[in-house]
Amino acid sequence: MNDTDPCFEIVHFAFVPEVSPGDQLAAMKTLGEWAATQPGFVGRQSYRDPVAARWTDVVEWTSLQAAQAAMARSQQAPALAGIMALIDPETVHAGHFERTH
């Protein structure tokens, strides 16, 4: 993938068990609002598997560079620190993908 080609960031994860479904939804809303302010953001959709209590977040970026920069900033953003603490780090699987058509 070229650093300047459009990029999809796909992240699968679960919240720690103590986080209620309502708090999960609130956290996802905050994450989405933050992502929308980042350079290169195109769009975002989130999906929840209610049986497995897992989430999939799909974010489209203008480039791999924009996606990687936003991911790095998310780890340092004070506004997201509380939310990051709610996510079970053992369950996080993330990747960057290019469109093939």
PDB file of N, CA and C in Angstrom:
ATOM      1  N   MET A   1       0.855  -1.171   0.000  1.00  0.00           N
ATOM      2  CA  MET A   1       0.000   0.000   0.000  1.00  0.00           C
ATOM      3  C   MET A   1       0.899   1.231   0.000  1.00  0.00           C
ATOM      4  N   ASN A   2       0.596   2.141  -0.869  1.00  0.00           N
ATOM      5  CA  ASN A   2       1.298   3.419  -0.922  1.00  0.00           C
ATOM      6  C   ASN A   2       0.834   4.292   0.233  1.00  0.00           C
ATOM      7  N   ASP A   3       1.738   5.052   0.826  1.00  0.00           N
ATOM      8  CA  ASP A   3       1.386   5.900   1.974  1.00  0.00           C
ATOM      9  C   ASP A   3       0.317   6.939   1.665  1.00  0.00           C
ATOM     10  N   THR A   4       0.100   7.220   0.380  1.00  0.00           N
ATOM     11  CA  THR A   4      -0.857   8.265   0.034  1.00  0.00           C
ATOM     12  C   THR A   4      -2.155   7.717  -0.561  1.00  0.00           C
ATOM     13  N   ASP A   5      -2.296   6.394  -0.656  1.00  0.00           N
ATOM     14  CA  ASP A   5      -3.538   5.793  -1.148  1.00  0.00           C
ATOM     15  C   ASP A   5      -4.600   5.800  -0.052  1.00  0.00           C
ATOM     16  N   PRO A   6      -5.887   5.877  -0.426  1.00  0.00           N
ATOM     17  CA  PRO A   6      -6.946   5.764   0.594  1.00  0.00           C
ATOM     18  C   PRO A   6      -6.778   4.489   1.408  1.00  0.00           C
ATOM     19  N   CYS A   7      -7.179   4.561   2.665  1.00  0.00           N
ATOM     20  CA  CYS A   7      -6.898   3.485   3.605  1.00  0.00           C
ATOM     21  C   CYS A   7      -8.098   3.240   4.511  1.00  0.00           C
ATOM     22  N   PHE A   8      -8.339   1.967   4.782  1.00  0.00           N
ATOM     23  CA  PHE A   8      -9.347   1.596   5.775  1.00  0.00           C
ATOM     24  C   PHE A   8      -8.633   1.039   6.988  1.00  0.00           C
ATOM     25  N   GLU A   9      -8.965   1.577   8.133  1.00  0.00           N
ATOM     26  CA  GLU A   9      -8.433   1.073   9.402  1.00  0.00           C
ATOM     27  C   GLU A   9      -9.547   0.250  10.034  1.00  0.00           C
ATOM     28  N   ILE A  10      -9.261  -1.011  10.309  1.00  0.00           N
ATOM     29  CA  ILE A  10     -10.266  -1.895  10.894  1.00  0.00           C
ATOM     30  C   ILE A  10      -9.724  -2.398  12.225  1.00  0.00           C
ATOM     31  N   VAL A  11     -10.503  -2.136  13.278  1.00  0.00           N
ATOM     32  CA  VAL A  11     -10.080  -2.500  14.631  1.00  0.00           C
ATOM     33  C   VAL A  11     -11.170  -3.360  15.261  1.00  0.00           C
ATOM     34  N   HIS A  12     -10.776  -4.532  15.758  1.00  0.00           N
ATOM     35  CA  HIS A  12     -11.672  -5.428  16.489  1.00  0.00           C
ATOM     36  C   HIS A  12     -11.248  -5.387  17.959  1.00  0.00           C
ATOM     37  N   PHE A  13     -12.210  -5.300  18.861  1.00  0.00           N
ATOM     38  CA  PHE A  13     -11.867  -5.239  20.282  1.00  0.00           C
ATOM     39  C   PHE A  13     -13.096  -5.484  21.140  1.00  0.00           C
ATOM     40  N   ALA A  14     -12.836  -5.630  22.438  1.00  0.00           N
ATOM     41  CA  ALA A  14     -13.908  -5.748  23.438  1.00  0.00           C
ATOM     42  C   ALA A  14     -13.590  -4.796  24.583  1.00  0.00           C
ATOM     43  N   PHE A  15     -14.623  -4.323  25.193  1.00  0.00           N
ATOM     44  CA  PHE A  15     -14.458  -3.543  26.416  1.00  0.00           C
ATOM     45  C   PHE A  15     -14.243  -4.514  27.576  1.00  0.00           C
ATOM     46  N   VAL A  16     -13.657  -4.028  28.644  1.00  0.00           N
ATOM     47  CA  VAL A  16     -13.525  -4.881  29.824  1.00  0.00           C
ATOM     48  C   VAL A  16     -14.932  -5.237  30.293  1.00  0.00           C
ATOM     49  N   PRO A  17     -15.106  -6.399  30.922  1.00  0.00           N
ATOM     50  CA  PRO A  17     -16.448  -6.892  31.254  1.00  0.00           C
ATOM     51  C   PRO A  17     -17.298  -5.949  32.110  1.00  0.00           C
ATOM     52  N   GLU A  18     -16.682  -5.123  32.919  1.00  0.00           N
ATOM     53  CA  GLU A  18     -17.444  -4.257  33.822  1.00  0.00           C
ATOM     54  C   GLU A  18     -18.134  -3.090  33.120  1.00  0.00           C
ATOM     55  N   VAL A  19     -17.800  -2.842  31.846  1.00  0.00           N
ATOM     56  CA  VAL A  19     -18.359  -1.685  31.133  1.00  0.00           C
ATOM     57  C   VAL A  19     -19.744  -2.044  30.597  1.00  0.00           C
ATOM     58  N   SER A  20     -20.741  -1.297  31.016  1.00  0.00           N
ATOM     59  CA  SER A  20     -22.121  -1.574  30.605  1.00  0.00           C
ATOM     60  C   SER A  20     -22.303  -1.279  29.116  1.00  0.00           C
ATOM     61  N   PRO A  21     -23.320  -1.880  28.501  1.00  0.00           N
ATOM     62  CA  PRO A  21     -23.597  -1.587  27.088  1.00  0.00           C
ATOM     63  C   PRO A  21     -23.824  -0.096  26.827  1.00  0.00           C
ATOM     64  N   GLY A  22     -24.493   0.583  27.749  1.00  0.00           N
ATOM     65  CA  GLY A  22     -24.712   2.021  27.584  1.00  0.00           C
ATOM     66  C   GLY A  22     -23.417   2.811  27.619  1.00  0.00           C
ATOM     67  N   ASP A  23     -22.512   2.435  28.520  1.00  0.00           N
ATOM     68  CA  ASP A  23     -21.214   3.110  28.591  1.00  0.00           C
ATOM     69  C   ASP A  23     -20.365   2.779  27.371  1.00  0.00           C
ATOM     70  N   GLN A  24     -20.533   1.582  26.824  1.00  0.00           N
ATOM     71  CA  GLN A  24     -19.821   1.234  25.598  1.00  0.00           C
ATOM     72  C   GLN A  24     -20.279   2.127  24.450  1.00  0.00           C
ATOM     73  N   LEU A  25     -21.582   2.304  24.331  1.00  0.00           N
ATOM     74  CA  LEU A  25     -22.109   3.167  23.271  1.00  0.00           C
ATOM     75  C   LEU A  25     -21.612   4.602  23.426  1.00  0.00           C
ATOM     76  N   ALA A  26     -21.596   5.098  24.651  1.00  0.00           N
ATOM     77  CA  ALA A  26     -21.106   6.455  24.897  1.00  0.00           C
ATOM     78  C   ALA A  26     -19.629   6.584  24.532  1.00  0.00           C
ATOM     79  N   ALA A  27     -18.855   5.567  24.878  1.00  0.00           N
ATOM     80  CA  ALA A  27     -17.428   5.579  24.547  1.00  0.00           C
ATOM     81  C   ALA A  27     -17.227   5.564  23.032  1.00  0.00           C
ATOM     82  N   MET A  28     -18.000   4.753  22.333  1.00  0.00           N
ATOM     83  CA  MET A  28     -17.882   4.689  20.880  1.00  0.00           C
ATOM     84  C   MET A  28     -18.265   6.013  20.236  1.00  0.00           C
ATOM     85  N   LYS A  29     -19.249   6.680  20.788  1.00  0.00           N
ATOM     86  CA  LYS A  29     -19.645   7.992  20.269  1.00  0.00           C
ATOM     87  C   LYS A  29     -18.501   8.985  20.439  1.00  0.00           C
ATOM     88  N   THR A  30     -17.883   8.998  21.605  1.00  0.00           N
ATOM     89  CA  THR A  30     -16.762   9.906  21.857  1.00  0.00           C
ATOM     90  C   THR A  30     -15.591   9.601  20.934  1.00  0.00           C
ATOM     91  N   LEU A  31     -15.280   8.318  20.754  1.00  0.00           N
ATOM     92  CA  LEU A  31     -14.204   7.940  19.832  1.00  0.00           C
ATOM     93  C   LEU A  31     -14.485   8.436  18.418  1.00  0.00           C
ATOM     94  N   GLY A  32     -15.718   8.284  17.981  1.00  0.00           N
ATOM     95  CA  GLY A  32     -16.097   8.730  16.640  1.00  0.00           C
ATOM     96  C   GLY A  32     -16.010  10.233  16.483  1.00  0.00           C
ATOM     97  N   GLU A  33     -16.453  10.950  17.493  1.00  0.00           N
ATOM     98  CA  GLU A  33     -16.375  12.413  17.443  1.00  0.00           C
ATOM     99  C   GLU A  33     -14.928  12.871  17.382  1.00  0.00           C
ATOM    100  N   TRP A  34     -14.064  12.215  18.144  1.00  0.00           N
ATOM    101  CA  TRP A  34     -12.647  12.575  18.133  1.00  0.00           C
ATOM    102  C   TRP A  34     -12.046  12.263  16.758  1.00  0.00           C
ATOM    103  N   ALA A  35     -12.311  11.075  16.232  1.00  0.00           N
ATOM    104  CA  ALA A  35     -11.751  10.676  14.934  1.00  0.00           C
ATOM    105  C   ALA A  35     -12.152  11.659  13.837  1.00  0.00           C
ATOM    106  N   ALA A  36     -13.385  12.127  13.885  1.00  0.00           N
ATOM    107  CA  ALA A  36     -13.881  13.042  12.851  1.00  0.00           C
ATOM    108  C   ALA A  36     -13.129  14.364  12.832  1.00  0.00           C
ATOM    109  N   THR A  37     -12.431  14.701  13.893  1.00  0.00           N
ATOM    110  CA  THR A  37     -11.670  15.954  13.930  1.00  0.00           C
ATOM    111  C   THR A  37     -10.245  15.782  13.413  1.00  0.00           C
ATOM    112  N   GLN A  38      -9.850  14.564  13.100  1.00  0.00           N
ATOM    113  CA  GLN A  38      -8.463  14.301  12.720  1.00  0.00           C
ATOM    114  C   GLN A  38      -8.220  14.534  11.229  1.00  0.00           C
ATOM    115  N   PRO A  39      -7.042  15.060  10.900  1.00  0.00           N
ATOM    116  CA  PRO A  39      -6.706  15.270   9.488  1.00  0.00           C
ATOM    117  C   PRO A  39      -6.763  13.960   8.709  1.00  0.00           C
ATOM    118  N   GLY A  40      -7.380  13.997   7.556  1.00  0.00           N
ATOM    119  CA  GLY A  40      -7.467  12.820   6.707  1.00  0.00           C
ATOM    120  C   GLY A  40      -8.662  11.928   6.961  1.00  0.00           C
ATOM    121  N   PHE A  41      -9.482  12.256   7.954  1.00  0.00           N
ATOM    122  CA  PHE A  41     -10.674  11.452   8.263  1.00  0.00           C
ATOM    123  C   PHE A  41     -11.666  11.567   7.113  1.00  0.00           C
ATOM    124  N   VAL A  42     -12.201  10.424   6.680  1.00  0.00           N
ATOM    125  CA  VAL A  42     -13.221  10.400   5.634  1.00  0.00           C
ATOM    126  C   VAL A  42     -14.569   9.958   6.207  1.00  0.00           C
ATOM    127  N   GLY A  43     -14.575   8.870   6.976  1.00  0.00           N
ATOM    128  CA  GLY A  43     -15.826   8.367   7.529  1.00  0.00           C
ATOM    129  C   GLY A  43     -15.565   7.210   8.480  1.00  0.00           C
ATOM    130  N   ARG A  44     -16.614   6.835   9.215  1.00  0.00           N
ATOM    131  CA  ARG A  44     -16.465   5.779  10.221  1.00  0.00           C
ATOM    132  C   ARG A  44     -17.780   5.052  10.411  1.00  0.00           C
ATOM    133  N   GLN A  45     -17.684   3.738  10.586  1.00  0.00           N
ATOM    134  CA  GLN A  45     -18.836   2.935  10.960  1.00  0.00           C
ATOM    135  C   GLN A  45     -18.386   1.952  12.031  1.00  0.00           C
ATOM    136  N   SER A  46     -19.235   1.760  13.008  1.00  0.00           N
ATOM    137  CA  SER A  46     -18.930   0.835  14.096  1.00  0.00           C
ATOM    138  C   SER A  46     -20.004  -0.238  14.151  1.00  0.00           C
ATOM    139  N   TYR A  47     -19.570  -1.442  14.516  1.00  0.00           N
ATOM    140  CA  TYR A  47     -20.471  -2.585  14.579  1.00  0.00           C
ATOM    141  C   TYR A  47     -20.242  -3.314  15.897  1.00  0.00           C
ATOM    142  N   ARG A  48     -21.339  -3.763  16.507  1.00  0.00           N
ATOM    143  CA  ARG A  48     -21.241  -4.507  17.761  1.00  0.00           C
ATOM    144  C   ARG A  48     -21.815  -5.898  17.575  1.00  0.00           C
ATOM    145  N   ASP A  49     -21.073  -6.873  18.039  1.00  0.00           N
ATOM    146  CA  ASP A  49     -21.564  -8.250  18.075  1.00  0.00           C
ATOM    147  C   ASP A  49     -22.143  -8.453  19.473  1.00  0.00           C
ATOM    148  N   PRO A  50     -23.472  -8.420  19.618  1.00  0.00           N
ATOM    149  CA  PRO A  50     -24.063  -8.505  20.952  1.00  0.00           C
ATOM    150  C   PRO A  50     -23.876  -9.867  21.625  1.00  0.00           C
ATOM    151  N   VAL A  51     -23.666 -10.912  20.848  1.00  0.00           N
ATOM    152  CA  VAL A  51     -23.476 -12.238  21.424  1.00  0.00           C
ATOM    153  C   VAL A  51     -22.074 -12.351  22.030  1.00  0.00           C
ATOM    154  N   ALA A  52     -21.065 -11.935  21.270  1.00  0.00           N
ATOM    155  CA  ALA A  52     -19.679 -12.034  21.740  1.00  0.00           C
ATOM    156  C   ALA A  52     -19.227 -10.798  22.509  1.00  0.00           C
ATOM    157  N   ALA A  53     -20.070  -9.764  22.526  1.00  0.00           N
ATOM    158  CA  ALA A  53     -19.738  -8.493  23.201  1.00  0.00           C
ATOM    159  C   ALA A  53     -18.422  -7.920  22.676  1.00  0.00           C
ATOM    160  N   ARG A  54     -18.295  -7.936  21.352  1.00  0.00           N
ATOM    161  CA  ARG A  54     -17.109  -7.396  20.693  1.00  0.00           C
ATOM    162  C   ARG A  54     -17.534  -6.309  19.709  1.00  0.00           C
ATOM    163  N   TRP A  55     -16.592  -5.456  19.374  1.00  0.00           N
ATOM    164  CA  TRP A  55     -16.826  -4.355  18.457  1.00  0.00           C
ATOM    165  C   TRP A  55     -15.885  -4.453  17.269  1.00  0.00           C
ATOM    166  N   THR A  56     -16.353  -3.925  16.146  1.00  0.00           N
ATOM    167  CA  THR A  56     -15.510  -3.715  14.970  1.00  0.00           C
ATOM    168  C   THR A  56     -15.713  -2.275  14.545  1.00  0.00           C
ATOM    169  N   ASP A  57     -14.611  -1.563  14.437  1.00  0.00           N
ATOM    170  CA  ASP A  57     -14.624  -0.164  14.043  1.00  0.00           C
ATOM    171  C   ASP A  57     -13.948  -0.066  12.683  1.00  0.00           C
ATOM    172  N   VAL A  58     -14.622   0.540  11.711  1.00  0.00           N
ATOM    173  CA  VAL A  58     -14.076   0.693  10.365  1.00  0.00           C
ATOM    174  C   VAL A  58     -13.995   2.184  10.078  1.00  0.00           C
ATOM    175  N   VAL A  59     -12.761   2.660   9.915  1.00  0.00           N
ATOM    176  CA  VAL A  59     -12.540   4.087   9.675  1.00  0.00           C
ATOM    177  C   VAL A  59     -11.844   4.254   8.340  1.00  0.00           C
ATOM    178  N   GLU A  60     -12.382   5.125   7.510  1.00  0.00           N
ATOM    179  CA  GLU A  60     -11.739   5.414   6.231  1.00  0.00           C
ATOM    180  C   GLU A  60     -10.931   6.696   6.365  1.00  0.00           C
ATOM    181  N   TRP A  61      -9.701   6.629   5.858  1.00  0.00           N
ATOM    182  CA  TRP A  61      -8.769   7.752   5.888  1.00  0.00           C
ATOM    183  C   TRP A  61      -8.315   8.066   4.469  1.00  0.00           C
ATOM    184  N   THR A  62      -7.866   9.284   4.252  1.00  0.00           N
ATOM    185  CA  THR A  62      -7.384   9.670   2.931  1.00  0.00           C
ATOM    186  C   THR A  62      -6.082   8.973   2.583  1.00  0.00           C
ATOM    187  N   SER A  63      -5.343   8.525   3.589  1.00  0.00           N
ATOM    188  CA  SER A  63      -4.058   7.869   3.335  1.00  0.00           C
ATOM    189  C   SER A  63      -3.638   7.028   4.529  1.00  0.00           C
ATOM    190  N   LEU A  64      -2.704   6.129   4.287  1.00  0.00           N
ATOM    191  CA  LEU A  64      -2.120   5.341   5.364  1.00  0.00           C
ATOM    192  C   LEU A  64      -1.421   6.257   6.361  1.00  0.00           C
ATOM    193  N   GLN A  65      -0.744   7.283   5.858  1.00  0.00           N
ATOM    194  CA  GLN A  65      -0.068   8.239   6.751  1.00  0.00           C
ATOM    195  C   GLN A  65      -1.056   8.886   7.712  1.00  0.00           C
ATOM    196  N   ALA A  66      -2.207   9.318   7.193  1.00  0.00           N
ATOM    197  CA  ALA A  66      -3.218   9.954   8.040  1.00  0.00           C
ATOM    198  C   ALA A  66      -3.737   8.967   9.085  1.00  0.00           C
ATOM    199  N   ALA A  67      -3.965   7.720   8.675  1.00  0.00           N
ATOM    200  CA  ALA A  67      -4.469   6.700   9.602  1.00  0.00           C
ATOM    201  C   ALA A  67      -3.467   6.428  10.712  1.00  0.00           C
ATOM    202  N   GLN A  68      -2.217   6.248  10.349  1.00  0.00           N
ATOM    203  CA  GLN A  68      -1.191   5.951  11.345  1.00  0.00           C
ATOM    204  C   GLN A  68      -0.973   7.128  12.292  1.00  0.00           C
ATOM    205  N   ALA A  69      -1.006   8.333  11.767  1.00  0.00           N
ATOM    206  CA  ALA A  69      -0.819   9.514  12.614  1.00  0.00           C
ATOM    207  C   ALA A  69      -1.968   9.652  13.605  1.00  0.00           C
ATOM    208  N   ALA A  70      -3.192   9.426  13.139  1.00  0.00           N
ATOM    209  CA  ALA A  70      -4.348   9.522  14.034  1.00  0.00           C
ATOM    210  C   ALA A  70      -4.294   8.434  15.102  1.00  0.00           C
ATOM    211  N   MET A  71      -3.888   7.221  14.726  1.00  0.00           N
ATOM    212  CA  MET A  71      -3.798   6.140  15.700  1.00  0.00           C
ATOM    213  C   MET A  71      -2.763   6.503  16.778  1.00  0.00           C
ATOM    214  N   ALA A  72      -1.645   7.052  16.371  1.00  0.00           N
ATOM    215  CA  ALA A  72      -0.615   7.451  17.338  1.00  0.00           C
ATOM    216  C   ALA A  72      -1.136   8.561  18.254  1.00  0.00           C
ATOM    217  N   ARG A  73      -1.842   9.541  17.680  1.00  0.00           N
ATOM    218  CA  ARG A  73      -2.398  10.628  18.494  1.00  0.00           C
ATOM    219  C   ARG A  73      -3.453  10.117  19.461  1.00  0.00           C
ATOM    220  N   SER A  74      -4.222   9.109  19.042  1.00  0.00           N
ATOM    221  CA  SER A  74      -5.287   8.593  19.910  1.00  0.00           C
ATOM    222  C   SER A  74      -4.718   8.015  21.201  1.00  0.00           C
ATOM    223  N   GLN A  75      -3.520   7.473  21.135  1.00  0.00           N
ATOM    224  CA  GLN A  75      -2.898   6.882  22.324  1.00  0.00           C
ATOM    225  C   GLN A  75      -2.420   7.941  23.313  1.00  0.00           C
ATOM    226  N   GLN A  76      -2.275   9.181  22.839  1.00  0.00           N
ATOM    227  CA  GLN A  76      -1.788  10.272  23.679  1.00  0.00           C
ATOM    228  C   GLN A  76      -2.860  11.309  24.013  1.00  0.00           C
ATOM    229  N   ALA A  77      -4.034  11.203  23.398  1.00  0.00           N
ATOM    230  CA  ALA A  77      -5.075  12.222  23.548  1.00  0.00           C
ATOM    231  C   ALA A  77      -5.696  12.174  24.947  1.00  0.00           C
ATOM    232  N   PRO A  78      -5.580  13.260  25.706  1.00  0.00           N
ATOM    233  CA  PRO A  78      -6.179  13.294  27.048  1.00  0.00           C
ATOM    234  C   PRO A  78      -7.685  12.997  27.030  1.00  0.00           C
ATOM    235  N   ALA A  79      -8.378  13.453  25.995  1.00  0.00           N
ATOM    236  CA  ALA A  79      -9.829  13.249  25.906  1.00  0.00           C
ATOM    237  C   ALA A  79     -10.201  11.777  25.755  1.00  0.00           C
ATOM    238  N   LEU A  80      -9.241  10.947  25.329  1.00  0.00           N
ATOM    239  CA  LEU A  80      -9.533   9.533  25.107  1.00  0.00           C
ATOM    240  C   LEU A  80      -8.944   8.622  26.172  1.00  0.00           C
ATOM    241  N   ALA A  81      -8.175   9.164  27.080  1.00  0.00           N
ATOM    242  CA  ALA A  81      -7.485   8.330  28.077  1.00  0.00           C
ATOM    243  C   ALA A  81      -8.458   7.464  28.866  1.00  0.00           C
ATOM    244  N   GLY A  82      -9.551   8.035  29.310  1.00  0.00           N
ATOM    245  CA  GLY A  82     -10.534   7.266  30.072  1.00  0.00           C
ATOM    246  C   GLY A  82     -11.168   6.159  29.256  1.00  0.00           C
ATOM    247  N   ILE A  83     -11.388   6.423  27.976  1.00  0.00           N
ATOM    248  CA  ILE A  83     -11.993   5.415  27.103  1.00  0.00           C
ATOM    249  C   ILE A  83     -11.010   4.291  26.831  1.00  0.00           C
ATOM    250  N   MET A  84      -9.769   4.636  26.573  1.00  0.00           N
ATOM    251  CA  MET A  84      -8.762   3.606  26.299  1.00  0.00           C
ATOM    252  C   MET A  84      -8.620   2.652  27.487  1.00  0.00           C
ATOM    253  N   ALA A  85      -8.826   3.174  28.690  1.00  0.00           N
ATOM    254  CA  ALA A  85      -8.734   2.338  29.894  1.00  0.00           C
ATOM    255  C   ALA A  85      -9.897   1.351  29.988  1.00  0.00           C
ATOM    256  N   LEU A  86     -10.980   1.593  29.253  1.00  0.00           N
ATOM    257  CA  LEU A  86     -12.148   0.709  29.271  1.00  0.00           C
ATOM    258  C   LEU A  86     -12.029  -0.452  28.291  1.00  0.00           C
ATOM    259  N   ILE A  87     -11.062  -0.361  27.381  1.00  0.00           N
ATOM    260  CA  ILE A  87     -10.885  -1.382  26.350  1.00  0.00           C
ATOM    261  C   ILE A  87      -9.905  -2.442  26.845  1.00  0.00           C
ATOM    262  N   ASP A  88     -10.269  -3.701  26.662  1.00  0.00           N
ATOM    263  CA  ASP A  88      -9.402  -4.811  27.050  1.00  0.00           C
ATOM    264  C   ASP A  88      -8.264  -4.905  26.028  1.00  0.00           C
ATOM    265  N   PRO A  89      -7.030  -4.547  26.400  1.00  0.00           N
ATOM    266  CA  PRO A  89      -5.934  -4.529  25.437  1.00  0.00           C
ATOM    267  C   PRO A  89      -5.617  -5.901  24.834  1.00  0.00           C
ATOM    268  N   GLU A  90      -5.964  -6.961  25.558  1.00  0.00           N
ATOM    269  CA  GLU A  90      -5.717  -8.316  25.048  1.00  0.00           C
ATOM    270  C   GLU A  90      -6.588  -8.647  23.837  1.00  0.00           C
ATOM    271  N   THR A  91      -7.669  -7.884  23.642  1.00  0.00           N
ATOM    272  CA  THR A  91      -8.609  -8.197  22.571  1.00  0.00           C
ATOM    273  C   THR A  91      -8.422  -7.342  21.327  1.00  0.00           C
ATOM    274  N   VAL A  92      -7.527  -6.372  21.376  1.00  0.00           N
ATOM    275  CA  VAL A  92      -7.387  -5.416  20.268  1.00  0.00           C
ATOM    276  C   VAL A  92      -6.595  -6.033  19.120  1.00  0.00           C
ATOM    277  N   HIS A  93      -7.219  -5.994  17.945  1.00  0.00           N
ATOM    278  CA  HIS A  93      -6.572  -6.416  16.698  1.00  0.00           C
ATOM    279  C   HIS A  93      -6.866  -5.327  15.677  1.00  0.00           C
ATOM    280  N   ALA A  94      -5.815  -4.707  15.151  1.00  0.00           N
ATOM    281  CA  ALA A  94      -6.003  -3.589  14.229  1.00  0.00           C
ATOM    282  C   ALA A  94      -5.171  -3.804  12.976  1.00  0.00           C
ATOM    283  N   GLY A  95      -5.668  -3.265  11.875  1.00  0.00           N
ATOM    284  CA  GLY A  95      -4.931  -3.325  10.624  1.00  0.00           C
ATOM    285  C   GLY A  95      -5.339  -2.208   9.703  1.00  0.00           C
ATOM    286  N   HIS A  96      -4.499  -1.961   8.724  1.00  0.00           N
ATOM    287  CA  HIS A  96      -4.777  -0.959   7.692  1.00  0.00           C
ATOM    288  C   HIS A  96      -4.872  -1.681   6.357  1.00  0.00           C
ATOM    289  N   PHE A  97      -5.910  -1.354   5.599  1.00  0.00           N
ATOM    290  CA  PHE A  97      -6.212  -2.090   4.384  1.00  0.00           C
ATOM    291  C   PHE A  97      -6.452  -1.127   3.221  1.00  0.00           C
ATOM    292  N   GLU A  98      -6.057  -1.589   2.044  1.00  0.00           N
ATOM    293  CA  GLU A  98      -6.318  -0.813   0.839  1.00  0.00           C
ATOM    294  C   GLU A  98      -7.487  -1.428   0.097  1.00  0.00           C
ATOM    295  N   ARG A  99      -8.201  -0.583  -0.629  1.00  0.00           N
ATOM    296  CA  ARG A  99      -9.299  -1.067  -1.480  1.00  0.00           C
ATOM    297  C   ARG A  99      -8.676  -1.694  -2.715  1.00  0.00           C
ATOM    298  N   THR A 100      -9.199  -2.832  -3.143  1.00  0.00           N
ATOM    299  CA  THR A 100      -8.573  -3.550  -4.250  1.00  0.00           C
ATOM    300  C   THR A 100      -9.327  -3.403  -5.567  1.00  0.00           C
ATOM    301  N   HIS A 101     -10.353  -2.610  -5.594  1.00  0.00           N
ATOM    302  CA  HIS A 101     -11.073  -2.446  -6.871  1.00  0.00           C
ATOM    303  C   HIS A 101     -11.144  -1.003  -7.269  1.00  0.00           C
TER     304      HIS A 101
END
